[in-house]
Amino acid sequence: MDTNFYEQVYEIARLIPKGRVTSYGAIAKSLGAAKSSRMVGHAMAYAGTAEPKVPAHRVVNSSGLLTGRFHFDPPEAMEELLRKEGVEVKNDKVLNFKKVFWNPLEEINFD
């Protein structure tokens, strides 16, 4: 486990505003590791043990699917957390994905 990479992923994920989502790939690109979206997924699988807390429910796949739901207990918790923030979900997929998508490359000043 690359804890330094995981911590960088968590730092980005903590910046995702309530009611918005981003993708594994968008986080990977923002870290200069565009081909590491699966590693971002692995990091999210362990996000429940990170301090401070990581809003892992706001990270979905590039189509808006809640592919990380199985790392929640129960799996439906991911959808419930998103709904509480006003994100519409149907059939394990974020509706209006482009509208609620938060792109770290556009939103964070990396200078």
N, C-alpha and C. Protein backbone atom coordinates (compact mmCIF):
# COMPACT_ATOMS: atom_id res chain seq x y z
N MET A 1 0.85 -1.19 0.00
CA MET A 1 0.00 0.00 0.00
C MET A 1 0.89 1.24 0.00
N ASP A 2 0.69 2.12 -0.95
CA ASP A 2 1.46 3.36 -1.04
C ASP A 2 0.73 4.43 -0.24
N THR A 3 1.07 4.54 1.04
CA THR A 3 0.34 5.44 1.94
C THR A 3 0.48 6.89 1.51
N ASN A 4 1.62 7.29 0.95
CA ASN A 4 1.78 8.66 0.50
C ASN A 4 0.80 8.98 -0.63
N PHE A 5 0.68 8.08 -1.60
CA PHE A 5 -0.29 8.27 -2.69
C PHE A 5 -1.70 8.30 -2.13
N TYR A 6 -2.00 7.37 -1.22
CA TYR A 6 -3.33 7.33 -0.62
C TYR A 6 -3.65 8.63 0.09
N GLU A 7 -2.70 9.18 0.83
CA GLU A 7 -2.93 10.44 1.53
C GLU A 7 -3.19 11.57 0.55
N GLN A 8 -2.50 11.58 -0.58
CA GLN A 8 -2.73 12.60 -1.60
C GLN A 8 -4.14 12.46 -2.17
N VAL A 9 -4.56 11.23 -2.39
CA VAL A 9 -5.92 10.96 -2.87
C VAL A 9 -6.93 11.48 -1.85
N TYR A 10 -6.69 11.18 -0.57
CA TYR A 10 -7.62 11.61 0.48
C TYR A 10 -7.69 13.13 0.59
N GLU A 11 -6.55 13.80 0.41
CA GLU A 11 -6.54 15.26 0.45
C GLU A 11 -7.44 15.84 -0.63
N ILE A 12 -7.35 15.28 -1.83
CA ILE A 12 -8.22 15.73 -2.94
C ILE A 12 -9.67 15.42 -2.62
N ALA A 13 -9.95 14.21 -2.18
CA ALA A 13 -11.33 13.79 -1.90
C ALA A 13 -11.97 14.66 -0.82
N ARG A 14 -11.19 15.09 0.15
CA ARG A 14 -11.73 15.93 1.23
C ARG A 14 -12.17 17.30 0.72
N LEU A 15 -11.71 17.69 -0.47
CA LEU A 15 -12.06 18.99 -1.04
C LEU A 15 -13.34 18.96 -1.86
N ILE A 16 -13.85 17.78 -2.16
CA ILE A 16 -15.08 17.66 -2.97
C ILE A 16 -16.24 18.27 -2.16
N PRO A 17 -16.89 19.28 -2.70
CA PRO A 17 -17.99 19.90 -1.96
C PRO A 17 -19.20 18.97 -1.80
N LYS A 18 -19.96 19.21 -0.76
CA LYS A 18 -21.21 18.46 -0.56
C LYS A 18 -22.09 18.68 -1.78
N GLY A 19 -22.78 17.62 -2.19
CA GLY A 19 -23.67 17.71 -3.33
C GLY A 19 -22.98 17.59 -4.68
N ARG A 20 -21.69 17.28 -4.66
CA ARG A 20 -20.92 17.12 -5.89
C ARG A 20 -20.21 15.77 -5.85
N VAL A 21 -19.79 15.29 -7.00
CA VAL A 21 -19.05 14.03 -7.09
C VAL A 21 -17.88 14.23 -8.05
N THR A 22 -16.89 13.36 -7.93
CA THR A 22 -15.80 13.32 -8.88
C THR A 22 -15.52 11.86 -9.20
N SER A 23 -14.58 11.62 -10.09
CA SER A 23 -14.29 10.24 -10.48
C SER A 23 -12.89 9.84 -10.04
N TYR A 24 -12.66 8.56 -10.02
CA TYR A 24 -11.34 8.02 -9.69
C TYR A 24 -10.31 8.60 -10.66
N GLY A 25 -10.66 8.61 -11.94
CA GLY A 25 -9.75 9.10 -12.97
C GLY A 25 -9.43 10.58 -12.83
N ALA A 26 -10.43 11.38 -12.45
CA ALA A 26 -10.21 12.82 -12.28
C ALA A 26 -9.23 13.07 -11.13
N ILE A 27 -9.35 12.29 -10.07
CA ILE A 27 -8.41 12.42 -8.95
C ILE A 27 -7.02 12.01 -9.41
N ALA A 28 -6.94 10.89 -10.12
CA ALA A 28 -5.64 10.42 -10.61
C ALA A 28 -4.98 11.48 -11.50
N LYS A 29 -5.74 12.05 -12.43
CA LYS A 29 -5.19 13.09 -13.32
C LYS A 29 -4.71 14.29 -12.52
N SER A 30 -5.45 14.68 -11.50
CA SER A 30 -5.08 15.85 -10.72
C SER A 30 -3.78 15.63 -9.96
N LEU A 31 -3.45 14.37 -9.74
CA LEU A 31 -2.20 14.03 -9.04
C LEU A 31 -1.06 13.75 -10.01
N GLY A 32 -1.32 13.95 -11.30
CA GLY A 32 -0.29 13.71 -12.31
C GLY A 32 -0.05 12.24 -12.57
N ALA A 33 -1.05 11.42 -12.26
CA ALA A 33 -0.94 9.96 -12.41
C ALA A 33 -2.17 9.45 -13.16
N ALA A 34 -2.37 9.97 -14.36
CA ALA A 34 -3.59 9.70 -15.13
C ALA A 34 -3.93 8.22 -15.28
N LYS A 35 -2.94 7.37 -15.30
CA LYS A 35 -3.19 5.93 -15.49
C LYS A 35 -3.40 5.19 -14.17
N SER A 36 -3.57 5.93 -13.09
CA SER A 36 -3.66 5.32 -11.76
C SER A 36 -5.05 5.37 -11.15
N SER A 37 -6.09 5.41 -11.99
CA SER A 37 -7.45 5.49 -11.44
C SER A 37 -7.79 4.27 -10.58
N ARG A 38 -7.26 3.11 -10.94
CA ARG A 38 -7.51 1.92 -10.11
C ARG A 38 -6.87 2.05 -8.74
N MET A 39 -5.68 2.67 -8.70
CA MET A 39 -5.03 2.91 -7.41
C MET A 39 -5.86 3.87 -6.56
N VAL A 40 -6.49 4.84 -7.20
CA VAL A 40 -7.38 5.75 -6.48
C VAL A 40 -8.54 4.94 -5.91
N GLY A 41 -9.06 4.00 -6.70
CA GLY A 41 -10.12 3.11 -6.22
C GLY A 41 -9.68 2.30 -5.02
N HIS A 42 -8.46 1.79 -5.06
CA HIS A 42 -7.93 1.04 -3.92
C HIS A 42 -7.83 1.94 -2.70
N ALA A 43 -7.39 3.17 -2.90
CA ALA A 43 -7.30 4.12 -1.79
C ALA A 43 -8.67 4.36 -1.19
N MET A 44 -9.67 4.51 -2.03
CA MET A 44 -11.03 4.75 -1.54
C MET A 44 -11.55 3.55 -0.73
N ALA A 45 -11.11 2.36 -1.10
CA ALA A 45 -11.53 1.17 -0.35
C ALA A 45 -11.07 1.22 1.09
N TYR A 46 -9.97 1.93 1.35
CA TYR A 46 -9.42 2.04 2.70
C TYR A 46 -9.73 3.39 3.35
N ALA A 47 -10.51 4.21 2.68
CA ALA A 47 -10.78 5.56 3.16
C ALA A 47 -11.51 5.60 4.50
N GLY A 48 -12.23 4.54 4.81
CA GLY A 48 -12.99 4.50 6.06
C GLY A 48 -12.12 4.54 7.30
N THR A 49 -10.85 4.21 7.15
CA THR A 49 -9.95 4.21 8.31
C THR A 49 -9.12 5.49 8.39
N ALA A 50 -9.26 6.37 7.41
CA ALA A 50 -8.44 7.59 7.36
C ALA A 50 -8.96 8.65 8.33
N GLU A 51 -8.04 9.41 8.87
CA GLU A 51 -8.37 10.56 9.72
C GLU A 51 -7.61 11.75 9.20
N PRO A 52 -8.23 12.91 9.04
CA PRO A 52 -9.66 13.13 9.20
C PRO A 52 -10.47 12.36 8.16
N LYS A 53 -11.78 12.33 8.38
CA LYS A 53 -12.66 11.54 7.52
C LYS A 53 -12.54 11.93 6.05
N VAL A 54 -12.79 10.95 5.20
CA VAL A 54 -12.76 11.14 3.75
C VAL A 54 -14.17 10.88 3.22
N PRO A 55 -14.74 11.83 2.47
CA PRO A 55 -16.09 11.61 1.91
C PRO A 55 -16.03 10.70 0.68
N ALA A 56 -15.68 9.45 0.90
CA ALA A 56 -15.50 8.49 -0.20
C ALA A 56 -16.77 8.29 -1.02
N HIS A 57 -17.92 8.59 -0.44
CA HIS A 57 -19.18 8.42 -1.17
C HIS A 57 -19.27 9.38 -2.36
N ARG A 58 -18.44 10.41 -2.38
CA ARG A 58 -18.46 11.39 -3.46
C ARG A 58 -17.55 11.01 -4.63
N VAL A 59 -16.93 9.85 -4.56
CA VAL A 59 -16.04 9.40 -5.64
C VAL A 59 -16.68 8.20 -6.34
N VAL A 60 -16.93 8.38 -7.63
CA VAL A 60 -17.64 7.38 -8.43
C VAL A 60 -16.81 7.08 -9.68
N ASN A 61 -17.29 6.17 -10.52
CA ASN A 61 -16.52 5.90 -11.75
C ASN A 61 -16.82 6.96 -12.80
N SER A 62 -16.15 6.89 -13.92
CA SER A 62 -16.24 7.94 -14.94
C SER A 62 -17.60 8.03 -15.61
N SER A 63 -18.47 7.07 -15.37
CA SER A 63 -19.83 7.11 -15.90
C SER A 63 -20.84 7.54 -14.84
N GLY A 64 -20.36 7.75 -13.62
CA GLY A 64 -21.26 8.10 -12.54
C GLY A 64 -21.78 6.92 -11.75
N LEU A 65 -21.28 5.72 -12.05
CA LEU A 65 -21.72 4.53 -11.33
C LEU A 65 -21.11 4.47 -9.93
N LEU A 66 -21.88 3.99 -8.98
CA LEU A 66 -21.43 3.86 -7.59
C LEU A 66 -20.66 2.55 -7.43
N THR A 67 -19.55 2.43 -8.13
CA THR A 67 -18.79 1.18 -8.11
C THR A 67 -18.14 0.91 -6.77
N GLY A 68 -17.99 1.93 -5.93
CA GLY A 68 -17.38 1.74 -4.62
C GLY A 68 -18.36 1.37 -3.53
N ARG A 69 -19.62 1.17 -3.89
CA ARG A 69 -20.65 0.94 -2.87
C ARG A 69 -20.40 -0.29 -2.01
N PHE A 70 -19.68 -1.26 -2.52
CA PHE A 70 -19.46 -2.49 -1.76
C PHE A 70 -18.47 -2.30 -0.62
N HIS A 71 -17.82 -1.14 -0.58
CA HIS A 71 -16.91 -0.84 0.52
C HIS A 71 -17.63 -0.11 1.65
N PHE A 72 -18.94 0.08 1.49
CA PHE A 72 -19.76 0.69 2.52
C PHE A 72 -20.55 -0.39 3.23
N ASP A 73 -20.89 -0.15 4.48
CA ASP A 73 -21.64 -1.14 5.25
C ASP A 73 -22.89 -0.48 5.82
N PRO A 74 -24.05 -0.78 5.24
CA PRO A 74 -24.32 -1.65 4.10
C PRO A 74 -23.99 -0.92 2.79
N PRO A 75 -23.92 -1.64 1.68
CA PRO A 75 -23.60 -1.02 0.40
C PRO A 75 -24.52 0.14 0.01
N GLU A 76 -25.76 0.10 0.48
CA GLU A 76 -26.72 1.16 0.17
C GLU A 76 -26.35 2.49 0.82
N ALA A 77 -25.45 2.46 1.79
CA ALA A 77 -25.07 3.68 2.51
C ALA A 77 -24.45 4.72 1.58
N MET A 78 -23.73 4.30 0.56
CA MET A 78 -23.12 5.25 -0.37
C MET A 78 -24.20 6.09 -1.05
N GLU A 79 -25.22 5.42 -1.54
CA GLU A 79 -26.33 6.13 -2.20
C GLU A 79 -27.07 7.02 -1.20
N GLU A 80 -27.30 6.53 0.01
CA GLU A 80 -28.00 7.31 1.03
C GLU A 80 -27.25 8.59 1.36
N LEU A 81 -25.92 8.50 1.50
CA LEU A 81 -25.12 9.68 1.80
C LEU A 81 -25.19 10.69 0.66
N LEU A 82 -25.15 10.23 -0.57
CA LEU A 82 -25.25 11.13 -1.71
C LEU A 82 -26.63 11.80 -1.75
N ARG A 83 -27.66 11.01 -1.52
CA ARG A 83 -29.03 11.57 -1.54
C ARG A 83 -29.20 12.64 -0.47
N LYS A 84 -28.63 12.41 0.71
CA LYS A 84 -28.72 13.41 1.79
C LYS A 84 -28.08 14.73 1.39
N GLU A 85 -27.14 14.68 0.46
CA GLU A 85 -26.46 15.88 -0.02
C GLU A 85 -27.13 16.46 -1.26
N GLY A 86 -28.23 15.85 -1.70
CA GLY A 86 -28.97 16.36 -2.84
C GLY A 86 -28.57 15.77 -4.17
N VAL A 87 -27.71 14.76 -4.18
CA VAL A 87 -27.30 14.12 -5.43
C VAL A 87 -28.34 13.05 -5.77
N GLU A 88 -28.88 13.13 -6.96
CA GLU A 88 -29.88 12.16 -7.39
C GLU A 88 -29.20 10.90 -7.92
N VAL A 89 -29.68 9.76 -7.45
CA VAL A 89 -29.12 8.47 -7.85
C VAL A 89 -30.26 7.54 -8.26
N LYS A 90 -30.06 6.85 -9.36
CA LYS A 90 -31.05 5.85 -9.80
C LYS A 90 -30.28 4.67 -10.37
N ASN A 91 -30.65 3.47 -9.94
CA ASN A 91 -29.99 2.23 -10.40
C ASN A 91 -28.48 2.30 -10.20
N ASP A 92 -28.07 2.76 -9.02
CA ASP A 92 -26.65 2.86 -8.65
C ASP A 92 -25.85 3.78 -9.56
N LYS A 93 -26.51 4.79 -10.13
CA LYS A 93 -25.83 5.73 -11.02
C LYS A 93 -26.27 7.15 -10.70
N VAL A 94 -25.29 8.07 -10.67
CA VAL A 94 -25.59 9.48 -10.42
C VAL A 94 -26.30 10.06 -11.64
N LEU A 95 -27.48 10.64 -11.40
CA LEU A 95 -28.20 11.33 -12.47
C LEU A 95 -27.60 12.72 -12.61
N ASN A 96 -27.71 13.32 -13.76
CA ASN A 96 -27.12 14.65 -14.00
C ASN A 96 -25.65 14.66 -13.64
N PHE A 97 -24.95 13.58 -13.99
CA PHE A 97 -23.54 13.41 -13.62
C PHE A 97 -22.69 14.61 -14.04
N LYS A 98 -22.87 15.06 -15.27
CA LYS A 98 -22.05 16.19 -15.76
C LYS A 98 -22.33 17.46 -14.96
N LYS A 99 -23.56 17.62 -14.52
CA LYS A 99 -23.94 18.81 -13.76
C LYS A 99 -23.32 18.83 -12.37
N VAL A 100 -23.24 17.68 -11.72
CA VAL A 100 -22.72 17.63 -10.35
C VAL A 100 -21.25 17.22 -10.29
N PHE A 101 -20.65 16.98 -11.47
CA PHE A 101 -19.25 16.56 -11.51
C PHE A 101 -18.34 17.70 -11.06
N TRP A 102 -17.41 17.37 -10.18
CA TRP A 102 -16.42 18.32 -9.67
C TRP A 102 -15.06 17.88 -10.18
N ASN A 103 -14.43 18.73 -10.99
CA ASN A 103 -13.14 18.38 -11.59
C ASN A 103 -12.01 19.04 -10.80
N PRO A 104 -11.22 18.24 -10.07
CA PRO A 104 -10.15 18.83 -9.26
C PRO A 104 -9.16 19.67 -10.06
N LEU A 105 -8.90 19.30 -11.32
CA LEU A 105 -7.97 20.07 -12.14
C LEU A 105 -8.48 21.50 -12.38
N GLU A 106 -9.78 21.67 -12.42
CA GLU A 106 -10.38 23.00 -12.65
C GLU A 106 -10.65 23.74 -11.35
N GLU A 107 -10.83 23.01 -10.27
CA GLU A 107 -11.27 23.61 -9.02
C GLU A 107 -10.16 23.90 -8.01
N ILE A 108 -9.03 23.23 -8.17
CA ILE A 108 -7.95 23.38 -7.20
C ILE A 108 -6.79 24.13 -7.84
N ASN A 109 -6.24 25.07 -7.11
CA ASN A 109 -5.05 25.77 -7.59
C ASN A 109 -3.83 24.97 -7.15
N PHE A 110 -3.18 24.31 -8.10
CA PHE A 110 -2.06 23.42 -7.78
C PHE A 110 -0.71 24.14 -7.77
N ASP A 111 -0.71 25.46 -7.87
CA ASP A 111 0.56 26.21 -7.88
C ASP A 111 1.25 26.19 -6.53
